[in-house]
Amino acid sequence: MKKIVTVVAAVVVAGSASSVLAATGEETYNTYCHVCHATGVANAPKLDDAAAWAPRIAQGMDVLLQSAINGKNAMPPRGTCMSCSDDDLKAAIEYMTSQSQ
């Protein structure tokens, strides 16, 4: 009986651990952000457009993160990723800015 409980507990822990792992910034970008940022929909800065990103990057991560959380211009709050945590959004921003410098 003790072995069964141990196995069940291990399966439960493994299953819950996979559900709480945060996506990488690149994964979040590819899932949610690329729709606009790959093509510049509604004037979204394109992923690899250093000139478009430079003034945004100069404002700092806090400003970029608040824009992502609250929405800005045509971008809706959380960039359509209502399930993304603030850390997920920050990771996506870090990915986009690293690709745009």
PDB file of N, CA and C in Angstrom:
ATOM      1  N   MET A   1       0.823  -1.194   0.000  1.00  0.00           N
ATOM      2  CA  MET A   1       0.000   0.000   0.000  1.00  0.00           C
ATOM      3  C   MET A   1       0.864   1.254   0.000  1.00  0.00           C
ATOM      4  N   LYS A   2       1.958   1.235   0.743  1.00  0.00           N
ATOM      5  CA  LYS A   2       2.845   2.399   0.815  1.00  0.00           C
ATOM      6  C   LYS A   2       3.427   2.719  -0.557  1.00  0.00           C
ATOM      7  N   LYS A   3       3.751   1.684  -1.359  1.00  0.00           N
ATOM      8  CA  LYS A   3       4.285   1.901  -2.702  1.00  0.00           C
ATOM      9  C   LYS A   3       3.246   2.562  -3.595  1.00  0.00           C
ATOM     10  N   ILE A   4       2.001   2.160  -3.484  1.00  0.00           N
ATOM     11  CA  ILE A   4       0.936   2.736  -4.298  1.00  0.00           C
ATOM     12  C   ILE A   4       0.765   4.209  -3.963  1.00  0.00           C
ATOM     13  N   VAL A   5       0.753   4.553  -2.698  1.00  0.00           N
ATOM     14  CA  VAL A   5       0.616   5.943  -2.276  1.00  0.00           C
ATOM     15  C   VAL A   5       1.788   6.764  -2.789  1.00  0.00           C
ATOM     16  N   THR A   6       2.991   6.230  -2.713  1.00  0.00           N
ATOM     17  CA  THR A   6       4.180   6.939  -3.184  1.00  0.00           C
ATOM     18  C   THR A   6       4.099   7.183  -4.685  1.00  0.00           C
ATOM     19  N   VAL A   7       3.692   6.169  -5.444  1.00  0.00           N
ATOM     20  CA  VAL A   7       3.571   6.305  -6.894  1.00  0.00           C
ATOM     21  C   VAL A   7       2.497   7.329  -7.242  1.00  0.00           C
ATOM     22  N   VAL A   8       1.355   7.262  -6.598  1.00  0.00           N
ATOM     23  CA  VAL A   8       0.277   8.220  -6.852  1.00  0.00           C
ATOM     24  C   VAL A   8       0.737   9.636  -6.519  1.00  0.00           C
ATOM     25  N   ALA A   9       1.407   9.810  -5.408  1.00  0.00           N
ATOM     26  CA  ALA A   9       1.907  11.132  -5.023  1.00  0.00           C
ATOM     27  C   ALA A   9       2.907  11.651  -6.051  1.00  0.00           C
ATOM     28  N   ALA A  10       3.787  10.793  -6.548  1.00  0.00           N
ATOM     29  CA  ALA A  10       4.770  11.200  -7.548  1.00  0.00           C
ATOM     30  C   ALA A  10       4.092  11.629  -8.844  1.00  0.00           C
ATOM     31  N   VAL A  11       3.058  10.920  -9.244  1.00  0.00           N
ATOM     32  CA  VAL A  11       2.328  11.264 -10.458  1.00  0.00           C
ATOM     33  C   VAL A  11       1.610  12.596 -10.288  1.00  0.00           C
ATOM     34  N   VAL A  12       0.994  12.804  -9.152  1.00  0.00           N
ATOM     35  CA  VAL A  12       0.299  14.067  -8.887  1.00  0.00           C
ATOM     36  C   VAL A  12       1.279  15.225  -8.890  1.00  0.00           C
ATOM     37  N   VAL A  13       2.411  15.069  -8.231  1.00  0.00           N
ATOM     38  CA  VAL A  13       3.417  16.139  -8.187  1.00  0.00           C
ATOM     39  C   VAL A  13       3.949  16.410  -9.590  1.00  0.00           C
ATOM     40  N   ALA A  14       4.270  15.382 -10.342  1.00  0.00           N
ATOM     41  CA  ALA A  14       4.783  15.566 -11.698  1.00  0.00           C
ATOM     42  C   ALA A  14       3.753  16.259 -12.582  1.00  0.00           C
ATOM     43  N   GLY A  15       2.507  15.870 -12.465  1.00  0.00           N
ATOM     44  CA  GLY A  15       1.452  16.488 -13.263  1.00  0.00           C
ATOM     45  C   GLY A  15       1.237  17.941 -12.914  1.00  0.00           C
ATOM     46  N   SER A  16       1.268  18.267 -11.641  1.00  0.00           N
ATOM     47  CA  SER A  16       1.052  19.658 -11.248  1.00  0.00           C
ATOM     48  C   SER A  16       2.265  20.506 -11.554  1.00  0.00           C
ATOM     49  N   ALA A  17       3.449  19.941 -11.500  1.00  0.00           N
ATOM     50  CA  ALA A  17       4.655  20.708 -11.807  1.00  0.00           C
ATOM     51  C   ALA A  17       4.642  21.152 -13.255  1.00  0.00           C
ATOM     52  N   SER A  18       4.211  20.292 -14.162  1.00  0.00           N
ATOM     53  CA  SER A  18       4.202  20.671 -15.571  1.00  0.00           C
ATOM     54  C   SER A  18       3.182  21.762 -15.849  1.00  0.00           C
ATOM     55  N   SER A  19       2.129  21.859 -15.051  1.00  0.00           N
ATOM     56  CA  SER A  19       1.118  22.873 -15.298  1.00  0.00           C
ATOM     57  C   SER A  19       1.519  24.239 -14.768  1.00  0.00           C
ATOM     58  N   VAL A  20       2.496  24.301 -13.867  1.00  0.00           N
ATOM     59  CA  VAL A  20       2.891  25.594 -13.333  1.00  0.00           C
ATOM     60  C   VAL A  20       4.169  26.129 -13.950  1.00  0.00           C
ATOM     61  N   LEU A  21       4.806  25.349 -14.821  1.00  0.00           N
ATOM     62  CA  LEU A  21       6.008  25.839 -15.467  1.00  0.00           C
ATOM     63  C   LEU A  21       5.638  26.971 -16.416  1.00  0.00           C
ATOM     64  N   ALA A  22       6.314  28.092 -16.281  1.00  0.00           N
ATOM     65  CA  ALA A  22       6.036  29.232 -17.141  1.00  0.00           C
ATOM     66  C   ALA A  22       6.619  28.994 -18.526  1.00  0.00           C
ATOM     67  N   ALA A  23       5.950  29.521 -19.510  1.00  0.00           N
ATOM     68  CA  ALA A  23       6.460  29.450 -20.876  1.00  0.00           C
ATOM     69  C   ALA A  23       7.668  30.373 -20.995  1.00  0.00           C
ATOM     70  N   THR A  24       8.537  30.071 -21.934  1.00  0.00           N
ATOM     71  CA  THR A  24       9.654  30.974 -22.188  1.00  0.00           C
ATOM     72  C   THR A  24       9.124  32.198 -22.922  1.00  0.00           C
ATOM     73  N   GLY A  25       9.927  33.230 -22.950  1.00  0.00           N
ATOM     74  CA  GLY A  25       9.532  34.426 -23.680  1.00  0.00           C
ATOM     75  C   GLY A  25       9.300  34.144 -25.150  1.00  0.00           C
ATOM     76  N   GLU A  26      10.142  33.302 -25.731  1.00  0.00           N
ATOM     77  CA  GLU A  26       9.979  32.958 -27.140  1.00  0.00           C
ATOM     78  C   GLU A  26       8.685  32.181 -27.364  1.00  0.00           C
ATOM     79  N   GLU A  27       8.359  31.264 -26.450  1.00  0.00           N
ATOM     80  CA  GLU A  27       7.111  30.501 -26.581  1.00  0.00           C
ATOM     81  C   GLU A  27       5.897  31.411 -26.463  1.00  0.00           C
ATOM     82  N   THR A  28       5.938  32.333 -25.517  1.00  0.00           N
ATOM     83  CA  THR A  28       4.824  33.274 -25.364  1.00  0.00           C
ATOM     84  C   THR A  28       4.698  34.135 -26.609  1.00  0.00           C
ATOM     85  N   TYR A  29       5.832  34.635 -27.111  1.00  0.00           N
ATOM     86  CA  TYR A  29       5.820  35.423 -28.345  1.00  0.00           C
ATOM     87  C   TYR A  29       5.199  34.612 -29.481  1.00  0.00           C
ATOM     88  N   ASN A  30       5.667  33.387 -29.664  1.00  0.00           N
ATOM     89  CA  ASN A  30       5.189  32.555 -30.779  1.00  0.00           C
ATOM     90  C   ASN A  30       3.718  32.188 -30.648  1.00  0.00           C
ATOM     91  N   THR A  31       3.228  32.114 -29.427  1.00  0.00           N
ATOM     92  CA  THR A  31       1.834  31.742 -29.213  1.00  0.00           C
ATOM     93  C   THR A  31       0.893  32.942 -29.308  1.00  0.00           C
ATOM     94  N   TYR A  32       1.288  34.072 -28.757  1.00  0.00           N
ATOM     95  CA  TYR A  32       0.374  35.206 -28.648  1.00  0.00           C
ATOM     96  C   TYR A  32       0.819  36.468 -29.381  1.00  0.00           C
ATOM     97  N   CYS A  33       2.073  36.805 -29.285  1.00  0.00           N
ATOM     98  CA  CYS A  33       2.545  38.116 -29.732  1.00  0.00           C
ATOM     99  C   CYS A  33       2.841  38.198 -31.220  1.00  0.00           C
ATOM    100  N   HIS A  34       3.250  37.068 -31.801  1.00  0.00           N
ATOM    101  CA  HIS A  34       3.692  37.097 -33.194  1.00  0.00           C
ATOM    102  C   HIS A  34       2.593  37.525 -34.160  1.00  0.00           C
ATOM    103  N   VAL A  35       1.351  37.316 -33.795  1.00  0.00           N
ATOM    104  CA  VAL A  35       0.242  37.652 -34.688  1.00  0.00           C
ATOM    105  C   VAL A  35       0.339  39.111 -35.141  1.00  0.00           C
ATOM    106  N   CYS A  36       0.674  39.984 -34.239  1.00  0.00           N
ATOM    107  CA  CYS A  36       0.803  41.401 -34.592  1.00  0.00           C
ATOM    108  C   CYS A  36       2.260  41.821 -34.797  1.00  0.00           C
ATOM    109  N   HIS A  37       3.149  41.320 -33.946  1.00  0.00           N
ATOM    110  CA  HIS A  37       4.527  41.800 -33.976  1.00  0.00           C
ATOM    111  C   HIS A  37       5.373  41.201 -35.100  1.00  0.00           C
ATOM    112  N   ALA A  38       4.914  40.163 -35.758  1.00  0.00           N
ATOM    113  CA  ALA A  38       5.652  39.621 -36.905  1.00  0.00           C
ATOM    114  C   ALA A  38       5.389  40.441 -38.165  1.00  0.00           C
ATOM    115  N   THR A  39       4.195  41.027 -38.261  1.00  0.00           N
ATOM    116  CA  THR A  39       3.805  41.728 -39.488  1.00  0.00           C
ATOM    117  C   THR A  39       3.558  43.221 -39.296  1.00  0.00           C
ATOM    118  N   GLY A  40       3.515  43.686 -38.056  1.00  0.00           N
ATOM    119  CA  GLY A  40       3.274  45.101 -37.804  1.00  0.00           C
ATOM    120  C   GLY A  40       1.817  45.492 -37.826  1.00  0.00           C
ATOM    121  N   VAL A  41       0.934  44.538 -37.554  1.00  0.00           N
ATOM    122  CA  VAL A  41      -0.503  44.820 -37.519  1.00  0.00           C
ATOM    123  C   VAL A  41      -0.771  45.985 -36.565  1.00  0.00           C
ATOM    124  N   ALA A  42      -1.584  46.917 -37.010  1.00  0.00           N
ATOM    125  CA  ALA A  42      -1.995  48.079 -36.202  1.00  0.00           C
ATOM    126  C   ALA A  42      -0.794  48.830 -35.625  1.00  0.00           C
ATOM    127  N   ASN A  43       0.271  48.909 -36.409  1.00  0.00           N
ATOM    128  CA  ASN A  43       1.490  49.634 -36.031  1.00  0.00           C
ATOM    129  C   ASN A  43       2.257  49.006 -34.877  1.00  0.00           C
ATOM    130  N   ALA A  44       2.051  47.727 -34.635  1.00  0.00           N
ATOM    131  CA  ALA A  44       2.859  47.028 -33.626  1.00  0.00           C
ATOM    132  C   ALA A  44       4.299  46.985 -34.134  1.00  0.00           C
ATOM    133  N   PRO A  45       5.265  47.267 -33.272  1.00  0.00           N
ATOM    134  CA  PRO A  45       6.655  47.198 -33.738  1.00  0.00           C
ATOM    135  C   PRO A  45       7.014  45.756 -34.103  1.00  0.00           C
ATOM    136  N   LYS A  46       7.566  45.576 -35.299  1.00  0.00           N
ATOM    137  CA  LYS A  46       7.941  44.236 -35.755  1.00  0.00           C
ATOM    138  C   LYS A  46       9.102  43.708 -34.923  1.00  0.00           C
ATOM    139  N   LEU A  47       9.132  42.417 -34.794  1.00  0.00           N
ATOM    140  CA  LEU A  47      10.125  41.747 -33.961  1.00  0.00           C
ATOM    141  C   LEU A  47      11.540  42.199 -34.242  1.00  0.00           C
ATOM    142  N   ASP A  48      11.928  42.307 -35.502  1.00  0.00           N
ATOM    143  CA  ASP A  48      13.320  42.598 -35.826  1.00  0.00           C
ATOM    144  C   ASP A  48      13.564  44.041 -36.268  1.00  0.00           C
ATOM    145  N   ASP A  49      12.641  44.934 -35.960  1.00  0.00           N
ATOM    146  CA  ASP A  49      12.758  46.333 -36.369  1.00  0.00           C
ATOM    147  C   ASP A  49      13.412  47.160 -35.265  1.00  0.00           C
ATOM    148  N   ALA A  50      14.735  47.237 -35.320  1.00  0.00           N
ATOM    149  CA  ALA A  50      15.494  47.931 -34.267  1.00  0.00           C
ATOM    150  C   ALA A  50      15.091  49.394 -34.138  1.00  0.00           C
ATOM    151  N   ALA A  51      14.827  50.047 -35.266  1.00  0.00           N
ATOM    152  CA  ALA A  51      14.455  51.465 -35.218  1.00  0.00           C
ATOM    153  C   ALA A  51      13.124  51.674 -34.506  1.00  0.00           C
ATOM    154  N   ALA A  52      12.187  50.788 -34.717  1.00  0.00           N
ATOM    155  CA  ALA A  52      10.879  50.908 -34.055  1.00  0.00           C
ATOM    156  C   ALA A  52      10.976  50.591 -32.570  1.00  0.00           C
ATOM    157  N   TRP A  53      11.848  49.660 -32.211  1.00  0.00           N
ATOM    158  CA  TRP A  53      11.967  49.257 -30.818  1.00  0.00           C
ATOM    159  C   TRP A  53      12.842  50.197 -29.988  1.00  0.00           C
ATOM    160  N   ALA A  54      13.801  50.870 -30.609  1.00  0.00           N
ATOM    161  CA  ALA A  54      14.769  51.688 -29.858  1.00  0.00           C
ATOM    162  C   ALA A  54      14.118  52.676 -28.886  1.00  0.00           C
ATOM    163  N   PRO A  55      13.154  53.488 -29.333  1.00  0.00           N
ATOM    164  CA  PRO A  55      12.559  54.431 -28.366  1.00  0.00           C
ATOM    165  C   PRO A  55      11.753  53.729 -27.274  1.00  0.00           C
ATOM    166  N   ARG A  56      11.213  52.589 -27.584  1.00  0.00           N
ATOM    167  CA  ARG A  56      10.459  51.828 -26.585  1.00  0.00           C
ATOM    168  C   ARG A  56      11.415  51.239 -25.553  1.00  0.00           C
ATOM    169  N   ILE A  57      12.504  50.656 -26.036  1.00  0.00           N
ATOM    170  CA  ILE A  57      13.508  50.080 -25.140  1.00  0.00           C
ATOM    171  C   ILE A  57      14.089  51.159 -24.233  1.00  0.00           C
ATOM    172  N   ALA A  58      14.281  52.359 -24.788  1.00  0.00           N
ATOM    173  CA  ALA A  58      14.846  53.471 -24.008  1.00  0.00           C
ATOM    174  C   ALA A  58      13.954  53.860 -22.832  1.00  0.00           C
ATOM    175  N   GLN A  59      12.655  53.584 -22.925  1.00  0.00           N
ATOM    176  CA  GLN A  59      11.739  53.907 -21.827  1.00  0.00           C
ATOM    177  C   GLN A  59      11.902  52.967 -20.640  1.00  0.00           C
ATOM    178  N   GLY A  60      12.487  51.809 -20.870  1.00  0.00           N
ATOM    179  CA  GLY A  60      12.736  50.864 -19.788  1.00  0.00           C
ATOM    180  C   GLY A  60      11.698  49.754 -19.698  1.00  0.00           C
ATOM    181  N   MET A  61      12.117  48.692 -19.037  1.00  0.00           N
ATOM    182  CA  MET A  61      11.267  47.508 -18.916  1.00  0.00           C
ATOM    183  C   MET A  61       9.971  47.791 -18.162  1.00  0.00           C
ATOM    184  N   ASP A  62      10.032  48.607 -17.126  1.00  0.00           N
ATOM    185  CA  ASP A  62       8.808  48.882 -16.354  1.00  0.00           C
ATOM    186  C   ASP A  62       7.717  49.494 -17.234  1.00  0.00           C
ATOM    187  N   VAL A  63       8.097  50.426 -18.099  1.00  0.00           N
ATOM    188  CA  VAL A  63       7.119  51.070 -18.988  1.00  0.00           C
ATOM    189  C   VAL A  63       6.607  50.068 -20.013  1.00  0.00           C
ATOM    190  N   LEU A  64       7.520  49.278 -20.595  1.00  0.00           N
ATOM    191  CA  LEU A  64       7.099  48.268 -21.565  1.00  0.00           C
ATOM    192  C   LEU A  64       6.144  47.258 -20.930  1.00  0.00           C
ATOM    193  N   LEU A  65       6.463  46.823 -19.736  1.00  0.00           N
ATOM    194  CA  LEU A  65       5.617  45.848 -19.059  1.00  0.00           C
ATOM    195  C   LEU A  65       4.245  46.433 -18.747  1.00  0.00           C
ATOM    196  N   GLN A  66       4.194  47.666 -18.283  1.00  0.00           N
ATOM    197  CA  GLN A  66       2.901  48.294 -17.998  1.00  0.00           C
ATOM    198  C   GLN A  66       2.068  48.446 -19.267  1.00  0.00           C
ATOM    199  N   SER A  67       2.727  48.755 -20.388  1.00  0.00           N
ATOM    200  CA  SER A  67       2.009  48.839 -21.670  1.00  0.00           C
ATOM    201  C   SER A  67       1.418  47.488 -22.037  1.00  0.00           C
ATOM    202  N   ALA A  68       2.185  46.424 -21.824  1.00  0.00           N
ATOM    203  CA  ALA A  68       1.686  45.085 -22.142  1.00  0.00           C
ATOM    204  C   ALA A  68       0.538  44.695 -21.208  1.00  0.00           C
ATOM    205  N   ILE A  69       0.669  45.002 -19.942  1.00  0.00           N
ATOM    206  CA  ILE A  69      -0.360  44.649 -18.968  1.00  0.00           C
ATOM    207  C   ILE A  69      -1.656  45.419 -19.237  1.00  0.00           C
ATOM    208  N   ASN A  70      -1.540  46.709 -19.466  1.00  0.00           N
ATOM    209  CA  ASN A  70      -2.711  47.572 -19.588  1.00  0.00           C
ATOM    210  C   ASN A  70      -3.204  47.761 -21.017  1.00  0.00           C
ATOM    211  N   GLY A  71      -2.370  47.427 -21.982  1.00  0.00           N
ATOM    212  CA  GLY A  71      -2.693  47.686 -23.376  1.00  0.00           C
ATOM    213  C   GLY A  71      -2.218  49.075 -23.765  1.00  0.00           C
ATOM    214  N   LYS A  72      -1.990  49.252 -25.049  1.00  0.00           N
ATOM    215  CA  LYS A  72      -1.548  50.563 -25.533  1.00  0.00           C
ATOM    216  C   LYS A  72      -1.956  50.696 -26.988  1.00  0.00           C
ATOM    217  N   ASN A  73      -2.536  51.840 -27.315  1.00  0.00           N
ATOM    218  CA  ASN A  73      -3.037  52.082 -28.667  1.00  0.00           C
ATOM    219  C   ASN A  73      -3.950  50.927 -29.077  1.00  0.00           C
ATOM    220  N   ALA A  74      -3.658  50.231 -30.165  1.00  0.00           N
ATOM    221  CA  ALA A  74      -4.533  49.150 -30.626  1.00  0.00           C
ATOM    222  C   ALA A  74      -4.293  47.834 -29.886  1.00  0.00           C
ATOM    223  N   MET A  75      -3.208  47.750 -29.108  1.00  0.00           N
ATOM    224  CA  MET A  75      -2.923  46.502 -28.393  1.00  0.00           C
ATOM    225  C   MET A  75      -3.837  46.391 -27.178  1.00  0.00           C
ATOM    226  N   PRO A  76      -4.588  45.303 -27.099  1.00  0.00           N
ATOM    227  CA  PRO A  76      -5.467  45.121 -25.941  1.00  0.00           C
ATOM    228  C   PRO A  76      -4.661  44.768 -24.696  1.00  0.00           C
ATOM    229  N   PRO A  77      -5.248  44.907 -23.532  1.00  0.00           N
ATOM    230  CA  PRO A  77      -4.558  44.502 -22.307  1.00  0.00           C
ATOM    231  C   PRO A  77      -4.039  43.072 -22.416  1.00  0.00           C
ATOM    232  N   ARG A  78      -2.844  42.887 -21.939  1.00  0.00           N
ATOM    233  CA  ARG A  78      -2.154  41.601 -21.924  1.00  0.00           C
ATOM    234  C   ARG A  78      -1.928  41.057 -23.327  1.00  0.00           C
ATOM    235  N   GLY A  79      -2.065  41.909 -24.337  1.00  0.00           N
ATOM    236  CA  GLY A  79      -1.800  41.508 -25.707  1.00  0.00           C
ATOM    237  C   GLY A  79      -2.595  40.300 -26.148  1.00  0.00           C
ATOM    238  N   THR A  80      -3.777  40.135 -25.669  1.00  0.00           N
ATOM    239  CA  THR A  80      -4.708  39.024 -25.912  1.00  0.00           C
ATOM    240  C   THR A  80      -4.377  37.761 -25.131  1.00  0.00           C
ATOM    241  N   CYS A  81      -3.356  37.776 -24.296  1.00  0.00           N
ATOM    242  CA  CYS A  81      -3.013  36.588 -23.502  1.00  0.00           C
ATOM    243  C   CYS A  81      -3.508  36.782 -22.074  1.00  0.00           C
ATOM    244  N   MET A  82      -4.771  36.571 -21.885  1.00  0.00           N
ATOM    245  CA  MET A  82      -5.355  36.765 -20.563  1.00  0.00           C
ATOM    246  C   MET A  82      -4.831  35.746 -19.545  1.00  0.00           C
ATOM    247  N   SER A  83      -4.298  34.636 -20.017  1.00  0.00           N
ATOM    248  CA  SER A  83      -3.759  33.630 -19.097  1.00  0.00           C
ATOM    249  C   SER A  83      -2.291  33.859 -18.772  1.00  0.00           C
ATOM    250  N   CYS A  84      -1.657  34.819 -19.421  1.00  0.00           N
ATOM    251  CA  CYS A  84      -0.242  35.096 -19.163  1.00  0.00           C
ATOM    252  C   CYS A  84      -0.077  35.845 -17.841  1.00  0.00           C
ATOM    253  N   SER A  85       0.898  35.414 -17.083  1.00  0.00           N
ATOM    254  CA  SER A  85       1.246  36.144 -15.865  1.00  0.00           C
ATOM    255  C   SER A  85       2.077  37.362 -16.264  1.00  0.00           C
ATOM    256  N   ASP A  86       2.281  38.255 -15.325  1.00  0.00           N
ATOM    257  CA  ASP A  86       3.158  39.401 -15.578  1.00  0.00           C
ATOM    258  C   ASP A  86       4.557  38.917 -15.947  1.00  0.00           C
ATOM    259  N   ASP A  87       5.021  37.846 -15.309  1.00  0.00           N
ATOM    260  CA  ASP A  87       6.337  37.297 -15.625  1.00  0.00           C
ATOM    261  C   ASP A  87       6.380  36.740 -17.043  1.00  0.00           C
ATOM    262  N   ASP A  88       5.289  36.113 -17.498  1.00  0.00           N
ATOM    263  CA  ASP A  88       5.218  35.628 -18.874  1.00  0.00           C
ATOM    264  C   ASP A  88       5.326  36.794 -19.852  1.00  0.00           C
ATOM    265  N   LEU A  89       4.597  37.858 -19.563  1.00  0.00           N
ATOM    266  CA  LEU A  89       4.642  39.032 -20.430  1.00  0.00           C
ATOM    267  C   LEU A  89       6.034  39.652 -20.436  1.00  0.00           C
ATOM    268  N   LYS A  90       6.641  39.738 -19.270  1.00  0.00           N
ATOM    269  CA  LYS A  90       7.992  40.295 -19.181  1.00  0.00           C
ATOM    270  C   LYS A  90       8.974  39.452 -19.984  1.00  0.00           C
ATOM    271  N   ALA A  91       8.860  38.141 -19.899  1.00  0.00           N
ATOM    272  CA  ALA A  91       9.748  37.258 -20.661  1.00  0.00           C
ATOM    273  C   ALA A  91       9.548  37.453 -22.167  1.00  0.00           C
ATOM    274  N   ALA A  92       8.318  37.632 -22.587  1.00  0.00           N
ATOM    275  CA  ALA A  92       8.042  37.869 -24.009  1.00  0.00           C
ATOM    276  C   ALA A  92       8.644  39.201 -24.452  1.00  0.00           C
ATOM    277  N   ILE A  93       8.516  40.212 -23.620  1.00  0.00           N
ATOM    278  CA  ILE A  93       9.104  41.520 -23.935  1.00  0.00           C
ATOM    279  C   ILE A  93      10.621  41.403 -24.016  1.00  0.00           C
ATOM    280  N   GLU A  94      11.211  40.705 -23.064  1.00  0.00           N
ATOM    281  CA  GLU A  94      12.659  40.522 -23.080  1.00  0.00           C
ATOM    282  C   GLU A  94      13.096  39.808 -24.354  1.00  0.00           C
ATOM    283  N   TYR A  95      12.327  38.812 -24.773  1.00  0.00           N
ATOM    284  CA  TYR A  95      12.640  38.105 -26.014  1.00  0.00           C
ATOM    285  C   TYR A  95      12.539  39.063 -27.201  1.00  0.00           C
ATOM    286  N   MET A  96      11.435  39.806 -27.286  1.00  0.00           N
ATOM    287  CA  MET A  96      11.257  40.711 -28.428  1.00  0.00           C
ATOM    288  C   MET A  96      12.339  41.789 -28.476  1.00  0.00           C
ATOM    289  N   THR A  97      12.643  42.363 -27.332  1.00  0.00           N
ATOM    290  CA  THR A  97      13.663  43.422 -27.339  1.00  0.00           C
ATOM    291  C   THR A  97      15.044  42.852 -27.653  1.00  0.00           C
ATOM    292  N   SER A  98      15.326  41.645 -27.215  1.00  0.00           N
ATOM    293  CA  SER A  98      16.638  41.051 -27.513  1.00  0.00           C
ATOM    294  C   SER A  98      16.786  40.759 -29.012  1.00  0.00           C
ATOM    295  N   GLN A  99      15.680  40.509 -29.681  1.00  0.00           N
ATOM    296  CA  GLN A  99      15.711  40.235 -31.125  1.00  0.00           C
ATOM    297  C   GLN A  99      15.678  41.515 -31.956  1.00  0.00           C
ATOM    298  N   SER A 100      15.529  42.629 -31.292  1.00  0.00           N
ATOM    299  CA  SER A 100      15.288  43.901 -31.998  1.00  0.00           C
ATOM    300  C   SER A 100      16.362  44.934 -31.727  1.00  0.00           C
ATOM    301  N   GLN A 101      17.510  44.514 -31.306  1.00  0.00           N
ATOM    302  CA  GLN A 101      18.588  45.480 -31.017  1.00  0.00           C
ATOM    303  C   GLN A 101      19.717  45.354 -32.014  1.00  0.00           C
TER     304      GLN A 101
END
